[in-house]
Amino acid sequence: MSDDTNDKVIDFTKKSINIDENQPKSFLKEFQYVKLTKDDNGNSFKEESLREYAQKCFYIVTIMRNTGLGVALYKYKVPFDYLLTFLNEFRSTDAFGKIIDIERYIPEDLA
């Protein structure tokens, strides 16, 4: 593996203070983040292109449930527009189970 592949690895373990005046002051400041302004090719991001891309993506949300006979995993394919609604349901009640994983699913025609 070449050394330049490490340039794309994000190290969240480094002790650094992220100061961004546009960052909300309450909830999000508790989490480490990396601000990206350009893609891997050095091009600036275009808002419209990112929105179109996001609309075509889905998220696979894995839920762990105790079925009485044991533990089962349920995988839900959630469209981008409904992800927050889907997650808010779990925030309001534990009756549905526990979220184990959230994975972005990119349809093959986007590649």
C-alpha atoms as a PDB file:
ATOM      1  CA  MET A   1       0.000   0.000   0.000  1.00  0.00           C
ATOM      2  CA  SER A   2       1.414   3.401  -0.894  1.00  0.00           C
ATOM      3  CA  ASP A   3       1.960   6.199   1.603  1.00  0.00           C
ATOM      4  CA  ASP A   4      -0.395   8.633  -0.140  1.00  0.00           C
ATOM      5  CA  THR A   5      -3.430   6.467   0.754  1.00  0.00           C
ATOM      6  CA  ASN A   6      -2.932   7.606   4.350  1.00  0.00           C
ATOM      7  CA  ASP A   7      -3.724  11.165   3.247  1.00  0.00           C
ATOM      8  CA  LYS A   8      -7.393  10.159   2.983  1.00  0.00           C
ATOM      9  CA  VAL A   9      -7.570   8.644   6.480  1.00  0.00           C
ATOM     10  CA  ILE A  10      -9.279  10.900   9.011  1.00  0.00           C
ATOM     11  CA  ASP A  11      -7.775  10.612  12.489  1.00  0.00           C
ATOM     12  CA  PHE A  12     -10.387  11.570  15.086  1.00  0.00           C
ATOM     13  CA  THR A  13      -8.075  10.557  17.940  1.00  0.00           C
ATOM     14  CA  LYS A  14      -5.869  13.644  17.606  1.00  0.00           C
ATOM     15  CA  LYS A  15      -6.487  16.226  20.289  1.00  0.00           C
ATOM     16  CA  SER A  16      -7.575  19.251  18.328  1.00  0.00           C
ATOM     17  CA  ILE A  17     -10.024  22.049  18.872  1.00  0.00           C
ATOM     18  CA  ASN A  18     -12.383  22.672  15.982  1.00  0.00           C
ATOM     19  CA  ILE A  19     -13.450  26.308  15.839  1.00  0.00           C
ATOM     20  CA  ASP A  20     -16.014  27.206  13.228  1.00  0.00           C
ATOM     21  CA  GLU A  21     -18.253  30.234  13.681  1.00  0.00           C
ATOM     22  CA  ASN A  22     -20.958  28.567  11.543  1.00  0.00           C
ATOM     23  CA  GLN A  23     -21.067  25.532  13.854  1.00  0.00           C
ATOM     24  CA  PRO A  24     -24.132  25.421  16.163  1.00  0.00           C
ATOM     25  CA  LYS A  25     -23.122  26.311  19.717  1.00  0.00           C
ATOM     26  CA  SER A  26     -24.941  23.588  21.616  1.00  0.00           C
ATOM     27  CA  PHE A  27     -25.355  19.973  20.561  1.00  0.00           C
ATOM     28  CA  LEU A  28     -22.892  19.474  17.682  1.00  0.00           C
ATOM     29  CA  LYS A  29     -19.918  21.140  19.388  1.00  0.00           C
ATOM     30  CA  GLU A  30     -19.574  18.066  21.620  1.00  0.00           C
ATOM     31  CA  PHE A  31     -18.510  15.895  18.673  1.00  0.00           C
ATOM     32  CA  GLN A  32     -15.257  15.900  16.746  1.00  0.00           C
ATOM     33  CA  TYR A  33     -15.543  16.686  13.072  1.00  0.00           C
ATOM     34  CA  VAL A  34     -13.547  17.398   9.951  1.00  0.00           C
ATOM     35  CA  LYS A  35     -14.585  20.218   7.632  1.00  0.00           C
ATOM     36  CA  LEU A  36     -14.252  19.376   3.924  1.00  0.00           C
ATOM     37  CA  THR A  37     -14.428  22.110   1.303  1.00  0.00           C
ATOM     38  CA  LYS A  38     -13.159  20.182  -1.733  1.00  0.00           C
ATOM     39  CA  ASP A  39     -13.528  16.674  -3.140  1.00  0.00           C
ATOM     40  CA  ASP A  40     -10.677  14.185  -3.696  1.00  0.00           C
ATOM     41  CA  ASN A  41      -9.926  15.811  -7.067  1.00  0.00           C
ATOM     42  CA  GLY A  42      -9.511  19.288  -5.562  1.00  0.00           C
ATOM     43  CA  ASN A  43     -12.840  20.605  -6.882  1.00  0.00           C
ATOM     44  CA  SER A  44     -15.054  22.762  -4.676  1.00  0.00           C
ATOM     45  CA  PHE A  45     -18.350  21.191  -3.663  1.00  0.00           C
ATOM     46  CA  LYS A  46     -21.488  22.334  -5.470  1.00  0.00           C
ATOM     47  CA  GLU A  47     -24.602  22.496  -3.313  1.00  0.00           C
ATOM     48  CA  GLU A  48     -27.016  21.412  -6.054  1.00  0.00           C
ATOM     49  CA  SER A  49     -24.896  18.376  -7.005  1.00  0.00           C
ATOM     50  CA  LEU A  50     -24.639  17.259  -3.380  1.00  0.00           C
ATOM     51  CA  ARG A  51     -28.396  17.600  -2.883  1.00  0.00           C
ATOM     52  CA  GLU A  52     -29.129  15.558  -6.026  1.00  0.00           C
ATOM     53  CA  TYR A  53     -26.678  12.870  -4.916  1.00  0.00           C
ATOM     54  CA  ALA A  54     -28.214  12.689  -1.426  1.00  0.00           C
ATOM     55  CA  GLN A  55     -31.726  12.305  -2.863  1.00  0.00           C
ATOM     56  CA  LYS A  56     -30.640   9.163  -4.725  1.00  0.00           C
ATOM     57  CA  CYS A  57     -29.013   7.496  -1.697  1.00  0.00           C
ATOM     58  CA  PHE A  58     -30.640   5.238   0.858  1.00  0.00           C
ATOM     59  CA  TYR A  59     -29.600   4.195   4.331  1.00  0.00           C
ATOM     60  CA  ILE A  60     -29.673   0.657   5.639  1.00  0.00           C
ATOM     61  CA  VAL A  61     -30.626   0.884   9.311  1.00  0.00           C
ATOM     62  CA  THR A  62     -29.989  -2.300  11.298  1.00  0.00           C
ATOM     63  CA  ILE A  63     -32.227  -2.813  14.318  1.00  0.00           C
ATOM     64  CA  MET A  64     -31.680  -5.427  17.020  1.00  0.00           C
ATOM     65  CA  ARG A  65     -34.837  -6.880  18.532  1.00  0.00           C
ATOM     66  CA  ASN A  66     -35.443  -9.540  21.138  1.00  0.00           C
ATOM     67  CA  THR A  67     -38.105 -11.770  19.597  1.00  0.00           C
ATOM     68  CA  GLY A  68     -38.705 -13.813  22.741  1.00  0.00           C
ATOM     69  CA  LEU A  69     -36.921 -16.773  21.166  1.00  0.00           C
ATOM     70  CA  GLY A  70     -33.674 -14.877  20.800  1.00  0.00           C
ATOM     71  CA  VAL A  71     -32.177 -11.815  19.201  1.00  0.00           C
ATOM     72  CA  ALA A  72     -32.842 -10.957  15.570  1.00  0.00           C
ATOM     73  CA  LEU A  73     -31.536  -8.225  13.294  1.00  0.00           C
ATOM     74  CA  TYR A  74     -33.904  -6.308  11.046  1.00  0.00           C
ATOM     75  CA  LYS A  75     -32.495  -4.237   8.181  1.00  0.00           C
ATOM     76  CA  TYR A  76     -34.573  -1.357   6.862  1.00  0.00           C
ATOM     77  CA  LYS A  77     -33.930   0.466   3.593  1.00  0.00           C
ATOM     78  CA  VAL A  78     -34.701   4.097   4.402  1.00  0.00           C
ATOM     79  CA  PRO A  79     -34.757   6.867   1.762  1.00  0.00           C
ATOM     80  CA  PHE A  80     -32.661   9.942   2.496  1.00  0.00           C
ATOM     81  CA  ASP A  81     -35.739  12.158   2.996  1.00  0.00           C
ATOM     82  CA  TYR A  82     -37.127   9.871   5.726  1.00  0.00           C
ATOM     83  CA  LEU A  83     -33.941   9.129   7.689  1.00  0.00           C
ATOM     84  CA  LEU A  84     -34.541  11.754  10.393  1.00  0.00           C
ATOM     85  CA  THR A  85     -38.187  10.749  10.738  1.00  0.00           C
ATOM     86  CA  PHE A  86     -37.153   7.119  11.047  1.00  0.00           C
ATOM     87  CA  LEU A  87     -34.536   7.937  13.719  1.00  0.00           C
ATOM     88  CA  ASN A  88     -36.929  10.152  15.672  1.00  0.00           C
ATOM     89  CA  GLU A  89     -39.273   7.193  16.100  1.00  0.00           C
ATOM     90  CA  PHE A  90     -36.512   5.384  17.964  1.00  0.00           C
ATOM     91  CA  ARG A  91     -35.790   8.417  20.047  1.00  0.00           C
ATOM     92  CA  SER A  92     -39.381   8.545  21.235  1.00  0.00           C
ATOM     93  CA  THR A  93     -39.687   4.859  22.207  1.00  0.00           C
ATOM     94  CA  ASP A  94     -37.591   1.752  22.818  1.00  0.00           C
ATOM     95  CA  ALA A  95     -40.407  -0.569  21.744  1.00  0.00           C
ATOM     96  CA  PHE A  96     -38.936  -1.027  18.256  1.00  0.00           C
ATOM     97  CA  GLY A  97     -35.540  -2.289  19.458  1.00  0.00           C
ATOM     98  CA  LYS A  98     -32.056  -0.785  19.390  1.00  0.00           C
ATOM     99  CA  ILE A  99     -30.242   0.727  16.428  1.00  0.00           C
ATOM    100  CA  ILE A 100     -27.062  -1.271  15.826  1.00  0.00           C
ATOM    101  CA  ASP A 101     -25.779   0.200  12.545  1.00  0.00           C
ATOM    102  CA  ILE A 102     -26.535   2.816   9.906  1.00  0.00           C
ATOM    103  CA  GLU A 103     -24.913   2.289   6.532  1.00  0.00           C
ATOM    104  CA  ARG A 104     -25.215   4.405   3.396  1.00  0.00           C
ATOM    105  CA  TYR A 105     -26.463   2.467   0.388  1.00  0.00           C
ATOM    106  CA  ILE A 106     -25.510   3.916  -2.987  1.00  0.00           C
ATOM    107  CA  PRO A 107     -27.507   2.556  -5.921  1.00  0.00           C
ATOM    108  CA  GLU A 108     -25.294   1.035  -8.627  1.00  0.00           C
ATOM    109  CA  ASP A 109     -26.347   3.550 -11.265  1.00  0.00           C
ATOM    110  CA  LEU A 110     -24.677   6.368  -9.240  1.00  0.00           C
ATOM    111  CA  ALA A 111     -21.201   4.814  -9.484  1.00  0.00           C
END
